[in-house]
Amino acid sequence: MLLDKLVINVHNMLLLYIVLDVMVCLATVFSTLYSICSIFSMAMTVYDCMAML
């Protein structure tokens, strides 16, 4: 009986770890995309300024 509870607890812990891993991964991907987009828009702004000059 105790073993069953232990197995369920371990299973829940693993699920929690997997969910956390996925969330961290998504956050990293989104922040990377955001950085790339901001750098790209900054470059475009600089390019526009150069074009006006």
Protein backbone atom coordinates (compact mmCIF):
# COMPACT_ATOMS: atom_id res chain seq x y z
CA MET A 1 0.00 0.00 0.00
CA LEU A 2 2.81 2.39 0.92
CA LEU A 3 4.64 1.53 -2.30
CA ASP A 4 1.60 2.51 -4.38
CA LYS A 5 1.49 5.94 -2.73
CA LEU A 6 5.22 6.36 -3.30
CA VAL A 7 4.87 5.47 -6.99
CA ILE A 8 2.01 7.96 -7.39
CA ASN A 9 4.04 10.68 -5.66
CA VAL A 10 7.08 10.02 -7.86
CA HIS A 11 4.83 10.07 -10.94
CA ASN A 12 3.35 13.43 -9.91
CA MET A 13 6.81 14.84 -9.26
CA LEU A 14 7.97 13.73 -12.71
CA LEU A 15 4.91 15.31 -14.32
CA LEU A 16 5.60 18.53 -12.43
CA TYR A 17 9.23 18.53 -13.54
CA ILE A 18 8.21 17.92 -17.17
CA VAL A 19 5.67 20.78 -17.04
CA LEU A 20 8.27 23.11 -15.50
CA ASP A 21 10.83 22.11 -18.13
CA VAL A 22 8.36 22.82 -20.93
CA MET A 23 7.46 26.21 -19.42
CA VAL A 24 11.12 27.19 -19.06
CA CYS A 25 11.77 26.06 -22.64
CA LEU A 26 8.84 28.12 -23.95
CA ALA A 27 9.93 31.16 -21.95
CA THR A 28 13.45 30.88 -23.37
CA VAL A 29 12.15 30.54 -26.93
CA PHE A 30 9.82 33.53 -26.53
CA SER A 31 12.51 35.74 -25.00
CA THR A 32 14.93 34.78 -27.78
CA LEU A 33 12.32 35.58 -30.44
CA TYR A 34 11.58 38.89 -28.70
CA SER A 35 15.30 39.79 -28.66
CA ILE A 36 15.65 38.95 -32.35
CA CYS A 37 12.56 41.01 -33.20
CA SER A 38 13.71 44.03 -31.18
CA ILE A 39 17.21 43.89 -32.71
CA PHE A 40 15.65 43.59 -36.18
CA SER A 41 13.31 46.56 -35.62
CA MET A 42 16.20 48.62 -34.24
CA ALA A 43 18.26 47.79 -37.32
CA MET A 44 15.35 48.77 -39.57
CA THR A 45 14.99 52.09 -37.72
CA VAL A 46 18.71 52.81 -38.13
CA TYR A 47 18.44 51.85 -41.81
CA ASP A 48 15.48 54.24 -42.26
CA CYS A 49 17.46 57.05 -40.62
CA MET A 50 20.41 56.36 -42.92
CA ALA A 51 18.09 56.36 -45.94
CA MET A 52 16.73 59.79 -44.95
CA LEU A 53 20.26 61.18 -44.71
